[in-house]
Amino acid sequence: MRGGKPTGGPLPDVGLANNFPFLDILESLYRFAGALDPLLAAPDARTLEASWTAEHLDVFAWDALDRARAAATASTAHVLAVVDQRLLALLERTRGLVDPHFVTFRVPELERWQHATAVALTGARWGQAGLHTVATDTRAPLARRYYALLALAERHPPNAWPLFERYLRAPDGHYAFVALAAEAARYYPGHTDLLLDLFDRIRGDELCRSFFAPKILASLTVLADPASLPLLESLLIAGHTHRDPRRCEVTRALVAIRKVTGRIAPSVKYPDPASPSARAAVDAAERRLDRERNRLVPVTVI
């Protein structure tokens, strides 16, 4: 796929706006803005790194931006503009640095924060129309387009489906956009065939499969379309296993099949589906996956 193989770990899970009290959103954004001040005043890379660590930016920066993007309210526009200005100033401030660690790890993270902030600001000011414009602007930086598409996926308006469909159909689509389209498909019933086709395309590539399969199967579970049964039933025998039910194809298939048929099917993990251990395991996995049915998991865009 264009953009290379999937790399980088997931960012924190994204919740919906009503999970976050509005005052908490504002507080987290003001805290983020304030934490950038010591970095702007730092005279060199060593001091910048020390300030970054002391302010615990890695702990709360993405949380603040995820909350702001999900809120998409005009009341956050002012503080988002402040954060955006400080990030732009900090990027300009670090342009001449030669410290390998800061240039390799910190500057790309600052760039991603700035793109995510700009998208949250666009959503706050111009809503879905603004996000759609950014997501479809091929001249915009890749990360900025991705965060705009993510914001649309979180809101999943009906008129956004053609964007997601385009990426699901693209044989050479960028991994981050295709993965996001696979997650967004759960909100648009009637397109299970596109998810099944995507799984077939990545089935033989172990790296792509480990990245895309959990996202595809999560949407298939929510959709509960009988058309997905042949794939799900094949995974009961030949699916990848993992201790984490979110990454275990067999467990995800068991849950998805029960959503469609109401029964637990025999599998390589649980040959006797009537056993108490099988039922308890599937029940626990289903409860966990149901709690996460509306969470979209952002990835690092390379």
C-alpha atoms as a PDB file:
ATOM      1  CA  MET A   1       0.000   0.000   0.000  1.00  0.00           C
ATOM      2  CA  ARG A   2       1.145   3.540  -0.735  1.00  0.00           C
ATOM      3  CA  GLY A   3       2.860   5.128   2.235  1.00  0.00           C
ATOM      4  CA  GLY A   4       4.631   1.898   3.159  1.00  0.00           C
ATOM      5  CA  LYS A   5       3.663  -0.870   5.502  1.00  0.00           C
ATOM      6  CA  PRO A   6       1.776   0.029   8.672  1.00  0.00           C
ATOM      7  CA  THR A   7       4.191   1.270  11.324  1.00  0.00           C
ATOM      8  CA  GLY A   8       4.020   2.973  14.664  1.00  0.00           C
ATOM      9  CA  GLY A   9       1.913   2.162  17.665  1.00  0.00           C
ATOM     10  CA  PRO A  10      -1.625   3.341  18.194  1.00  0.00           C
ATOM     11  CA  LEU A  11      -2.355   6.605  19.870  1.00  0.00           C
ATOM     12  CA  PRO A  12      -4.800   6.662  22.767  1.00  0.00           C
ATOM     13  CA  ASP A  13      -8.343   5.526  22.001  1.00  0.00           C
ATOM     14  CA  VAL A  14     -10.694   8.257  20.836  1.00  0.00           C
ATOM     15  CA  GLY A  15     -14.013   8.597  22.595  1.00  0.00           C
ATOM     16  CA  LEU A  16     -17.093  10.580  21.633  1.00  0.00           C
ATOM     17  CA  ALA A  17     -17.619  14.156  22.692  1.00  0.00           C
ATOM     18  CA  ASN A  18     -20.194  13.378  25.369  1.00  0.00           C
ATOM     19  CA  ASN A  19     -17.606  11.324  27.253  1.00  0.00           C
ATOM     20  CA  PHE A  20     -15.809  14.539  28.207  1.00  0.00           C
ATOM     21  CA  PRO A  21     -17.350  17.331  30.332  1.00  0.00           C
ATOM     22  CA  PHE A  22     -16.854  20.573  28.444  1.00  0.00           C
ATOM     23  CA  LEU A  23     -14.997  22.321  31.275  1.00  0.00           C
ATOM     24  CA  ASP A  24     -12.545  19.418  31.411  1.00  0.00           C
ATOM     25  CA  ILE A  25     -11.893  19.886  27.701  1.00  0.00           C
ATOM     26  CA  LEU A  26     -11.118  23.569  28.174  1.00  0.00           C
ATOM     27  CA  GLU A  27      -8.953  22.863  31.202  1.00  0.00           C
ATOM     28  CA  SER A  28      -6.906  20.253  29.339  1.00  0.00           C
ATOM     29  CA  LEU A  29      -6.371  22.626  26.401  1.00  0.00           C
ATOM     30  CA  TYR A  30      -5.275  25.503  28.617  1.00  0.00           C
ATOM     31  CA  ARG A  31      -2.946  23.141  30.441  1.00  0.00           C
ATOM     32  CA  PHE A  32      -1.476  22.063  27.110  1.00  0.00           C
ATOM     33  CA  ALA A  33      -0.992  25.673  26.039  1.00  0.00           C
ATOM     34  CA  GLY A  34       0.686  26.511  29.339  1.00  0.00           C
ATOM     35  CA  ALA A  35       2.996  23.510  29.108  1.00  0.00           C
ATOM     36  CA  LEU A  36       4.341  24.813  25.794  1.00  0.00           C
ATOM     37  CA  ASP A  37       5.565  28.091  27.323  1.00  0.00           C
ATOM     38  CA  PRO A  38       8.718  26.659  28.979  1.00  0.00           C
ATOM     39  CA  LEU A  39       9.671  25.026  25.687  1.00  0.00           C
ATOM     40  CA  LEU A  40       9.389  28.343  23.869  1.00  0.00           C
ATOM     41  CA  ALA A  41      11.695  29.929  26.425  1.00  0.00           C
ATOM     42  CA  ALA A  42      14.286  27.116  26.373  1.00  0.00           C
ATOM     43  CA  PRO A  43      17.678  28.298  25.014  1.00  0.00           C
ATOM     44  CA  ASP A  44      18.887  24.943  23.603  1.00  0.00           C
ATOM     45  CA  ALA A  45      17.905  21.362  22.771  1.00  0.00           C
ATOM     46  CA  ARG A  46      18.958  19.982  26.155  1.00  0.00           C
ATOM     47  CA  THR A  47      16.759  22.478  27.987  1.00  0.00           C
ATOM     48  CA  LEU A  48      13.922  21.818  25.551  1.00  0.00           C
ATOM     49  CA  GLU A  49      14.121  18.108  26.282  1.00  0.00           C
ATOM     50  CA  ALA A  50      14.238  18.722  30.025  1.00  0.00           C
ATOM     51  CA  SER A  51      11.186  20.996  29.839  1.00  0.00           C
ATOM     52  CA  TRP A  52       9.331  18.493  27.676  1.00  0.00           C
ATOM     53  CA  THR A  53       9.923  15.766  30.251  1.00  0.00           C
ATOM     54  CA  ALA A  54       9.170  17.993  33.237  1.00  0.00           C
ATOM     55  CA  GLU A  55       5.854  19.132  31.753  1.00  0.00           C
ATOM     56  CA  HIS A  56       4.851  15.490  31.025  1.00  0.00           C
ATOM     57  CA  LEU A  57       3.719  16.493  27.560  1.00  0.00           C
ATOM     58  CA  ASP A  58       3.610  12.930  26.300  1.00  0.00           C
ATOM     59  CA  VAL A  59       1.101  12.062  29.010  1.00  0.00           C
ATOM     60  CA  PHE A  60      -1.645  14.542  28.259  1.00  0.00           C
ATOM     61  CA  ALA A  61      -1.056  16.310  24.919  1.00  0.00           C
ATOM     62  CA  TRP A  62      -2.898  13.776  22.785  1.00  0.00           C
ATOM     63  CA  ASP A  63      -5.646  13.432  25.350  1.00  0.00           C
ATOM     64  CA  ALA A  64      -6.273  17.185  25.188  1.00  0.00           C
ATOM     65  CA  LEU A  65      -6.302  17.211  21.388  1.00  0.00           C
ATOM     66  CA  ASP A  66      -8.524  14.129  21.138  1.00  0.00           C
ATOM     67  CA  ARG A  67     -11.024  15.720  23.500  1.00  0.00           C
ATOM     68  CA  ALA A  68     -11.001  18.977  21.559  1.00  0.00           C
ATOM     69  CA  ARG A  69     -11.478  17.263  18.205  1.00  0.00           C
ATOM     70  CA  ALA A  70     -14.381  15.212  19.555  1.00  0.00           C
ATOM     71  CA  ALA A  71     -16.040  18.271  21.118  1.00  0.00           C
ATOM     72  CA  ALA A  72     -16.051  20.313  17.870  1.00  0.00           C
ATOM     73  CA  THR A  73     -17.630  23.336  19.522  1.00  0.00           C
ATOM     74  CA  ALA A  74     -17.013  27.001  18.752  1.00  0.00           C
ATOM     75  CA  SER A  75     -16.314  27.601  22.437  1.00  0.00           C
ATOM     76  CA  THR A  76     -12.975  25.832  22.111  1.00  0.00           C
ATOM     77  CA  ALA A  77     -11.831  27.889  19.121  1.00  0.00           C
ATOM     78  CA  HIS A  78     -10.009  30.578  21.111  1.00  0.00           C
ATOM     79  CA  VAL A  79      -7.827  28.258  23.180  1.00  0.00           C
ATOM     80  CA  LEU A  80      -7.197  26.027  20.156  1.00  0.00           C
ATOM     81  CA  ALA A  81      -5.956  29.088  18.289  1.00  0.00           C
ATOM     82  CA  VAL A  82      -3.610  29.833  21.194  1.00  0.00           C
ATOM     83  CA  VAL A  83      -2.263  26.268  21.159  1.00  0.00           C
ATOM     84  CA  ASP A  84      -1.864  26.414  17.389  1.00  0.00           C
ATOM     85  CA  GLN A  85       0.104  29.675  17.535  1.00  0.00           C
ATOM     86  CA  ARG A  86       2.434  28.314  20.202  1.00  0.00           C
ATOM     87  CA  LEU A  87       3.040  25.093  18.312  1.00  0.00           C
ATOM     88  CA  LEU A  88       3.844  27.013  15.132  1.00  0.00           C
ATOM     89  CA  ALA A  89       6.214  29.260  17.083  1.00  0.00           C
ATOM     90  CA  LEU A  90       7.850  26.228  18.687  1.00  0.00           C
ATOM     91  CA  LEU A  91       8.331  24.536  15.322  1.00  0.00           C
ATOM     92  CA  GLU A  92       9.981  27.700  14.017  1.00  0.00           C
ATOM     93  CA  ARG A  93      12.057  27.867  17.185  1.00  0.00           C
ATOM     94  CA  THR A  94      13.333  24.298  16.684  1.00  0.00           C
ATOM     95  CA  ARG A  95      13.995  24.601  12.948  1.00  0.00           C
ATOM     96  CA  GLY A  96      17.728  25.172  13.423  1.00  0.00           C
ATOM     97  CA  LEU A  97      18.312  22.439  16.007  1.00  0.00           C
ATOM     98  CA  VAL A  98      20.791  19.681  15.195  1.00  0.00           C
ATOM     99  CA  ASP A  99      20.348  17.523  18.290  1.00  0.00           C
ATOM    100  CA  PRO A 100      19.626  14.038  16.817  1.00  0.00           C
ATOM    101  CA  HIS A 101      17.190  12.933  19.516  1.00  0.00           C
ATOM    102  CA  PHE A 102      15.083  16.068  19.414  1.00  0.00           C
ATOM    103  CA  VAL A 103      15.062  16.252  15.617  1.00  0.00           C
ATOM    104  CA  THR A 104      14.211  12.560  15.215  1.00  0.00           C
ATOM    105  CA  PHE A 105      11.568  12.159  17.907  1.00  0.00           C
ATOM    106  CA  ARG A 106      10.339  15.482  19.219  1.00  0.00           C
ATOM    107  CA  VAL A 107      10.009  17.590  16.078  1.00  0.00           C
ATOM    108  CA  PRO A 108       7.795  15.039  14.244  1.00  0.00           C
ATOM    109  CA  GLU A 109       5.584  14.845  17.338  1.00  0.00           C
ATOM    110  CA  LEU A 110       5.293  18.641  17.429  1.00  0.00           C
ATOM    111  CA  GLU A 111       4.292  18.566  13.768  1.00  0.00           C
ATOM    112  CA  ARG A 112       1.595  15.954  14.441  1.00  0.00           C
ATOM    113  CA  TRP A 113       0.272  18.009  17.363  1.00  0.00           C
ATOM    114  CA  GLN A 114       0.100  21.083  15.175  1.00  0.00           C
ATOM    115  CA  HIS A 115      -1.794  19.249  12.432  1.00  0.00           C
ATOM    116  CA  ALA A 116      -4.219  17.767  14.979  1.00  0.00           C
ATOM    117  CA  THR A 117      -4.715  21.200  16.547  1.00  0.00           C
ATOM    118  CA  ALA A 118      -5.364  22.831  13.182  1.00  0.00           C
ATOM    119  CA  VAL A 119      -7.986  20.186  12.390  1.00  0.00           C
ATOM    120  CA  ALA A 120      -9.697  20.597  15.768  1.00  0.00           C
ATOM    121  CA  LEU A 121      -9.752  24.355  15.162  1.00  0.00           C
ATOM    122  CA  THR A 122     -11.239  23.817  11.700  1.00  0.00           C
ATOM    123  CA  GLY A 123     -13.970  21.637  13.178  1.00  0.00           C
ATOM    124  CA  ALA A 124     -14.714  24.198  15.891  1.00  0.00           C
ATOM    125  CA  ARG A 125     -14.973  27.070  13.409  1.00  0.00           C
ATOM    126  CA  TRP A 126     -16.443  25.510  10.287  1.00  0.00           C
ATOM    127  CA  GLY A 127     -17.827  22.146  11.334  1.00  0.00           C
ATOM    128  CA  GLN A 128     -18.179  19.189   9.001  1.00  0.00           C
ATOM    129  CA  ALA A 129     -17.884  21.282   5.853  1.00  0.00           C
ATOM    130  CA  GLY A 130     -14.483  22.550   6.964  1.00  0.00           C
ATOM    131  CA  LEU A 131     -13.301  19.081   7.913  1.00  0.00           C
ATOM    132  CA  HIS A 132     -14.419  17.715   4.550  1.00  0.00           C
ATOM    133  CA  THR A 133     -12.480  20.447   2.763  1.00  0.00           C
ATOM    134  CA  VAL A 134      -9.271  19.620   4.629  1.00  0.00           C
ATOM    135  CA  ALA A 135      -9.683  15.854   4.217  1.00  0.00           C
ATOM    136  CA  THR A 136     -10.028  16.168   0.439  1.00  0.00           C
ATOM    137  CA  ASP A 137      -7.302  18.782  -0.106  1.00  0.00           C
ATOM    138  CA  THR A 138      -4.498  16.810  -1.743  1.00  0.00           C
ATOM    139  CA  ARG A 139      -2.138  19.768  -1.253  1.00  0.00           C
ATOM    140  CA  ALA A 140      -2.536  19.639   2.530  1.00  0.00           C
ATOM    141  CA  PRO A 141       0.001  17.717   4.646  1.00  0.00           C
ATOM    142  CA  LEU A 142      -0.833  14.031   4.918  1.00  0.00           C
ATOM    143  CA  ALA A 143      -1.206  14.089   8.710  1.00  0.00           C
ATOM    144  CA  ARG A 144      -3.595  17.053   8.553  1.00  0.00           C
ATOM    145  CA  ARG A 145      -5.795  15.291   6.024  1.00  0.00           C
ATOM    146  CA  TYR A 146      -5.760  12.172   8.198  1.00  0.00           C
ATOM    147  CA  TYR A 147      -6.919  13.984  11.337  1.00  0.00           C
ATOM    148  CA  ALA A 148      -9.669  15.697   9.349  1.00  0.00           C
ATOM    149  CA  LEU A 149     -10.847  12.330   8.044  1.00  0.00           C
ATOM    150  CA  LEU A 150     -10.667  10.958  11.593  1.00  0.00           C
ATOM    151  CA  ALA A 151     -12.883  13.795  12.827  1.00  0.00           C
ATOM    152  CA  LEU A 152     -15.399  12.996  10.093  1.00  0.00           C
ATOM    153  CA  ALA A 153     -15.309   9.310  11.002  1.00  0.00           C
ATOM    154  CA  GLU A 154     -16.027  10.163  14.628  1.00  0.00           C
ATOM    155  CA  ARG A 155     -19.087  12.148  13.510  1.00  0.00           C
ATOM    156  CA  HIS A 156     -19.925   9.814  10.566  1.00  0.00           C
ATOM    157  CA  PRO A 157     -22.357  12.105   8.717  1.00  0.00           C
ATOM    158  CA  PRO A 158     -24.155  10.310   5.851  1.00  0.00           C
ATOM    159  CA  ASN A 159     -22.572  12.503   3.171  1.00  0.00           C
ATOM    160  CA  ALA A 160     -19.056  11.476   4.259  1.00  0.00           C
ATOM    161  CA  TRP A 161     -19.428   7.851   3.164  1.00  0.00           C
ATOM    162  CA  PRO A 162     -18.092   8.397  -0.401  1.00  0.00           C
ATOM    163  CA  LEU A 163     -14.776   9.506   1.118  1.00  0.00           C
ATOM    164  CA  PHE A 164     -14.414   6.322   3.154  1.00  0.00           C
ATOM    165  CA  GLU A 165     -15.612   4.177   0.264  1.00  0.00           C
ATOM    166  CA  ARG A 166     -12.919   5.682  -1.958  1.00  0.00           C
ATOM    167  CA  TYR A 167     -10.183   4.493   0.402  1.00  0.00           C
ATOM    168  CA  LEU A 168     -11.700   1.056   0.893  1.00  0.00           C
ATOM    169  CA  ARG A 169     -11.731   0.554  -2.867  1.00  0.00           C
ATOM    170  CA  ALA A 170      -8.248   1.951  -3.507  1.00  0.00           C
ATOM    171  CA  PRO A 171      -5.751  -0.901  -4.003  1.00  0.00           C
ATOM    172  CA  ASP A 172      -2.817   1.438  -3.301  1.00  0.00           C
ATOM    173  CA  GLY A 173      -4.369   3.617  -0.579  1.00  0.00           C
ATOM    174  CA  HIS A 174      -2.268   4.936   2.277  1.00  0.00           C
ATOM    175  CA  TYR A 175      -2.400   2.492   5.191  1.00  0.00           C
ATOM    176  CA  ALA A 176      -3.667   5.047   7.729  1.00  0.00           C
ATOM    177  CA  PHE A 177      -6.546   6.230   5.535  1.00  0.00           C
ATOM    178  CA  VAL A 178      -7.582   2.705   4.545  1.00  0.00           C
ATOM    179  CA  ALA A 179      -7.558   1.594   8.190  1.00  0.00           C
ATOM    180  CA  LEU A 180      -9.675   4.572   9.186  1.00  0.00           C
ATOM    181  CA  ALA A 181     -12.139   3.838   6.389  1.00  0.00           C
ATOM    182  CA  ALA A 182     -12.388   0.245   7.621  1.00  0.00           C
ATOM    183  CA  GLU A 183     -13.258   1.494  11.114  1.00  0.00           C
ATOM    184  CA  ALA A 184     -15.724   4.089   9.822  1.00  0.00           C
ATOM    185  CA  ALA A 185     -17.580   1.453   7.789  1.00  0.00           C
ATOM    186  CA  ARG A 186     -19.275   0.235  10.982  1.00  0.00           C
ATOM    187  CA  TYR A 187     -21.471   3.354  10.842  1.00  0.00           C
ATOM    188  CA  TYR A 188     -22.600   2.761   7.253  1.00  0.00           C
ATOM    189  CA  PRO A 189     -24.560  -0.516   6.906  1.00  0.00           C
ATOM    190  CA  GLY A 190     -24.834  -2.129   3.503  1.00  0.00           C
ATOM    191  CA  HIS A 191     -21.150  -2.119   2.551  1.00  0.00           C
ATOM    192  CA  THR A 192     -19.901  -5.325   4.157  1.00  0.00           C
ATOM    193  CA  ASP A 193     -18.593  -6.489   0.784  1.00  0.00           C
ATOM    194  CA  LEU A 194     -15.936  -3.761   0.818  1.00  0.00           C
ATOM    195  CA  LEU A 195     -14.614  -4.936   4.180  1.00  0.00           C
ATOM    196  CA  LEU A 196     -14.543  -8.540   2.989  1.00  0.00           C
ATOM    197  CA  ASP A 197     -12.652  -7.518  -0.152  1.00  0.00           C
ATOM    198  CA  LEU A 198     -10.125  -5.590   1.952  1.00  0.00           C
ATOM    199  CA  PHE A 199      -9.549  -8.607   4.190  1.00  0.00           C
ATOM    200  CA  ASP A 200      -8.931 -10.757   1.122  1.00  0.00           C
ATOM    201  CA  ARG A 201      -6.387  -8.249  -0.184  1.00  0.00           C
ATOM    202  CA  ILE A 202      -4.340  -8.200   3.015  1.00  0.00           C
ATOM    203  CA  ARG A 203      -4.837 -11.809   4.101  1.00  0.00           C
ATOM    204  CA  GLY A 204      -1.459 -13.055   2.867  1.00  0.00           C
ATOM    205  CA  ASP A 205       0.645 -10.163   4.188  1.00  0.00           C
ATOM    206  CA  GLU A 206       1.340 -10.830   7.868  1.00  0.00           C
ATOM    207  CA  LEU A 207       2.287  -7.243   8.710  1.00  0.00           C
ATOM    208  CA  CYS A 208      -0.719  -5.725   6.980  1.00  0.00           C
ATOM    209  CA  ARG A 209      -3.002  -8.390   8.415  1.00  0.00           C
ATOM    210  CA  SER A 210      -1.908  -7.754  12.010  1.00  0.00           C
ATOM    211  CA  PHE A 211      -2.649  -4.067  11.466  1.00  0.00           C
ATOM    212  CA  PHE A 212      -5.878  -4.139   9.443  1.00  0.00           C
ATOM    213  CA  ALA A 213      -7.647  -7.294  10.620  1.00  0.00           C
ATOM    214  CA  PRO A 214      -8.671  -6.026  14.104  1.00  0.00           C
ATOM    215  CA  LYS A 215     -10.165  -2.898  12.521  1.00  0.00           C
ATOM    216  CA  ILE A 216     -12.015  -4.826   9.823  1.00  0.00           C
ATOM    217  CA  LEU A 217     -13.341  -7.395  12.297  1.00  0.00           C
ATOM    218  CA  ALA A 218     -14.423  -4.685  14.740  1.00  0.00           C
ATOM    219  CA  SER A 219     -16.630  -3.151  12.052  1.00  0.00           C
ATOM    220  CA  LEU A 220     -17.956  -6.532  10.930  1.00  0.00           C
ATOM    221  CA  THR A 221     -18.931  -7.259  14.532  1.00  0.00           C
ATOM    222  CA  VAL A 222     -20.892  -4.024  14.821  1.00  0.00           C
ATOM    223  CA  LEU A 223     -22.570  -4.502  11.425  1.00  0.00           C
ATOM    224  CA  ALA A 224     -23.570  -8.136  12.209  1.00  0.00           C
ATOM    225  CA  ASP A 225     -24.223  -8.815   8.526  1.00  0.00           C
ATOM    226  CA  PRO A 226     -24.892 -12.494   7.602  1.00  0.00           C
ATOM    227  CA  ALA A 227     -22.784 -11.899   4.476  1.00  0.00           C
ATOM    228  CA  SER A 228     -19.681 -11.886   6.700  1.00  0.00           C
ATOM    229  CA  LEU A 229     -20.308 -15.414   8.049  1.00  0.00           C
ATOM    230  CA  PRO A 230     -18.128 -17.316   5.510  1.00  0.00           C
ATOM    231  CA  LEU A 231     -15.075 -15.219   6.432  1.00  0.00           C
ATOM    232  CA  LEU A 232     -15.794 -15.378  10.154  1.00  0.00           C
ATOM    233  CA  GLU A 233     -16.317 -19.135  10.110  1.00  0.00           C
ATOM    234  CA  SER A 234     -13.028 -19.642   8.277  1.00  0.00           C
ATOM    235  CA  LEU A 235     -11.243 -17.634  10.967  1.00  0.00           C
ATOM    236  CA  LEU A 236     -12.539 -20.008  13.652  1.00  0.00           C
ATOM    237  CA  ILE A 237     -10.175 -22.593  12.205  1.00  0.00           C
ATOM    238  CA  ALA A 238      -7.390 -20.623  10.530  1.00  0.00           C
ATOM    239  CA  GLY A 239      -7.503 -17.253  12.291  1.00  0.00           C
ATOM    240  CA  HIS A 240      -4.594 -15.766  14.197  1.00  0.00           C
ATOM    241  CA  THR A 241      -4.770 -16.096  17.971  1.00  0.00           C
ATOM    242  CA  HIS A 242      -3.683 -13.594  20.595  1.00  0.00           C
ATOM    243  CA  ARG A 243      -4.116 -13.178  24.356  1.00  0.00           C
ATOM    244  CA  ASP A 244      -5.692  -9.763  23.795  1.00  0.00           C
ATOM    245  CA  PRO A 245      -9.258 -10.330  22.490  1.00  0.00           C
ATOM    246  CA  ARG A 246      -8.983  -7.130  20.450  1.00  0.00           C
ATOM    247  CA  ARG A 247      -6.140  -8.664  18.431  1.00  0.00           C
ATOM    248  CA  CYS A 248      -7.330 -12.267  18.386  1.00  0.00           C
ATOM    249  CA  GLU A 249      -9.043 -13.103  15.112  1.00  0.00           C
ATOM    250  CA  VAL A 250     -10.608 -16.260  16.529  1.00  0.00           C
ATOM    251  CA  THR A 251     -12.123 -14.472  19.524  1.00  0.00           C
ATOM    252  CA  ARG A 252     -13.385 -11.613  17.369  1.00  0.00           C
ATOM    253  CA  ALA A 253     -14.914 -14.122  14.964  1.00  0.00           C
ATOM    254  CA  LEU A 254     -16.640 -15.944  17.835  1.00  0.00           C
ATOM    255  CA  VAL A 255     -18.189 -12.716  19.082  1.00  0.00           C
ATOM    256  CA  ALA A 256     -19.196 -11.578  15.585  1.00  0.00           C
ATOM    257  CA  ILE A 257     -20.782 -14.938  14.737  1.00  0.00           C
ATOM    258  CA  ARG A 258     -22.827 -14.880  17.925  1.00  0.00           C
ATOM    259  CA  LYS A 259     -24.022 -11.375  17.013  1.00  0.00           C
ATOM    260  CA  VAL A 260     -25.363 -12.792  13.743  1.00  0.00           C
ATOM    261  CA  THR A 261     -26.546 -16.274  14.747  1.00  0.00           C
ATOM    262  CA  GLY A 262     -27.022 -16.116  18.509  1.00  0.00           C
ATOM    263  CA  ARG A 263     -24.784 -19.118  19.097  1.00  0.00           C
ATOM    264  CA  ILE A 264     -21.182 -19.907  19.994  1.00  0.00           C
ATOM    265  CA  ALA A 265     -19.546 -21.917  17.225  1.00  0.00           C
ATOM    266  CA  PRO A 266     -16.767 -24.527  17.665  1.00  0.00           C
ATOM    267  CA  SER A 267     -13.280 -23.104  17.157  1.00  0.00           C
ATOM    268  CA  VAL A 268      -9.612 -23.956  17.549  1.00  0.00           C
ATOM    269  CA  LYS A 269      -9.623 -22.102  20.867  1.00  0.00           C
ATOM    270  CA  TYR A 270     -12.816 -23.652  22.210  1.00  0.00           C
ATOM    271  CA  PRO A 271     -13.616 -26.970  20.497  1.00  0.00           C
ATOM    272  CA  ASP A 272     -16.584 -27.512  22.833  1.00  0.00           C
ATOM    273  CA  PRO A 273     -18.678 -24.330  22.532  1.00  0.00           C
ATOM    274  CA  ALA A 274     -21.092 -25.562  25.214  1.00  0.00           C
ATOM    275  CA  SER A 275     -18.423 -25.716  27.912  1.00  0.00           C
ATOM    276  CA  PRO A 276     -18.621 -23.151  30.731  1.00  0.00           C
ATOM    277  CA  SER A 277     -15.107 -21.929  29.978  1.00  0.00           C
ATOM    278  CA  ALA A 278     -15.971 -21.209  26.326  1.00  0.00           C
ATOM    279  CA  ARG A 279     -19.141 -19.364  27.234  1.00  0.00           C
ATOM    280  CA  ALA A 280     -17.406 -17.328  29.941  1.00  0.00           C
ATOM    281  CA  ALA A 281     -14.560 -16.371  27.611  1.00  0.00           C
ATOM    282  CA  VAL A 282     -16.864 -15.288  24.781  1.00  0.00           C
ATOM    283  CA  ASP A 283     -19.140 -13.415  27.196  1.00  0.00           C
ATOM    284  CA  ALA A 284     -16.172 -11.485  28.618  1.00  0.00           C
ATOM    285  CA  ALA A 285     -14.777 -10.722  25.163  1.00  0.00           C
ATOM    286  CA  GLU A 286     -18.167  -9.545  23.909  1.00  0.00           C
ATOM    287  CA  ARG A 287     -18.645  -7.201  26.870  1.00  0.00           C
ATOM    288  CA  ARG A 288     -15.198  -5.699  26.329  1.00  0.00           C
ATOM    289  CA  LEU A 289     -15.632  -5.297  22.581  1.00  0.00           C
ATOM    290  CA  ASP A 290     -19.110  -3.812  23.007  1.00  0.00           C
ATOM    291  CA  ARG A 291     -17.671  -1.139  25.296  1.00  0.00           C
ATOM    292  CA  GLU A 292     -15.297  -0.169  22.498  1.00  0.00           C
ATOM    293  CA  ARG A 293     -17.713  -0.327  19.572  1.00  0.00           C
ATOM    294  CA  ASN A 294     -17.655   3.468  19.131  1.00  0.00           C
ATOM    295  CA  ARG A 295     -13.943   3.975  19.720  1.00  0.00           C
ATOM    296  CA  LEU A 296     -11.747   4.701  16.754  1.00  0.00           C
ATOM    297  CA  VAL A 297      -8.058   4.126  17.316  1.00  0.00           C
ATOM    298  CA  PRO A 298      -5.802   6.706  15.609  1.00  0.00           C
ATOM    299  CA  VAL A 299      -2.438   5.657  14.263  1.00  0.00           C
ATOM    300  CA  THR A 300       0.831   7.503  13.714  1.00  0.00           C
ATOM    301  CA  VAL A 301       0.942   8.771  10.145  1.00  0.00           C
ATOM    302  CA  ILE A 302       4.365   8.334   8.569  1.00  0.00           C
END
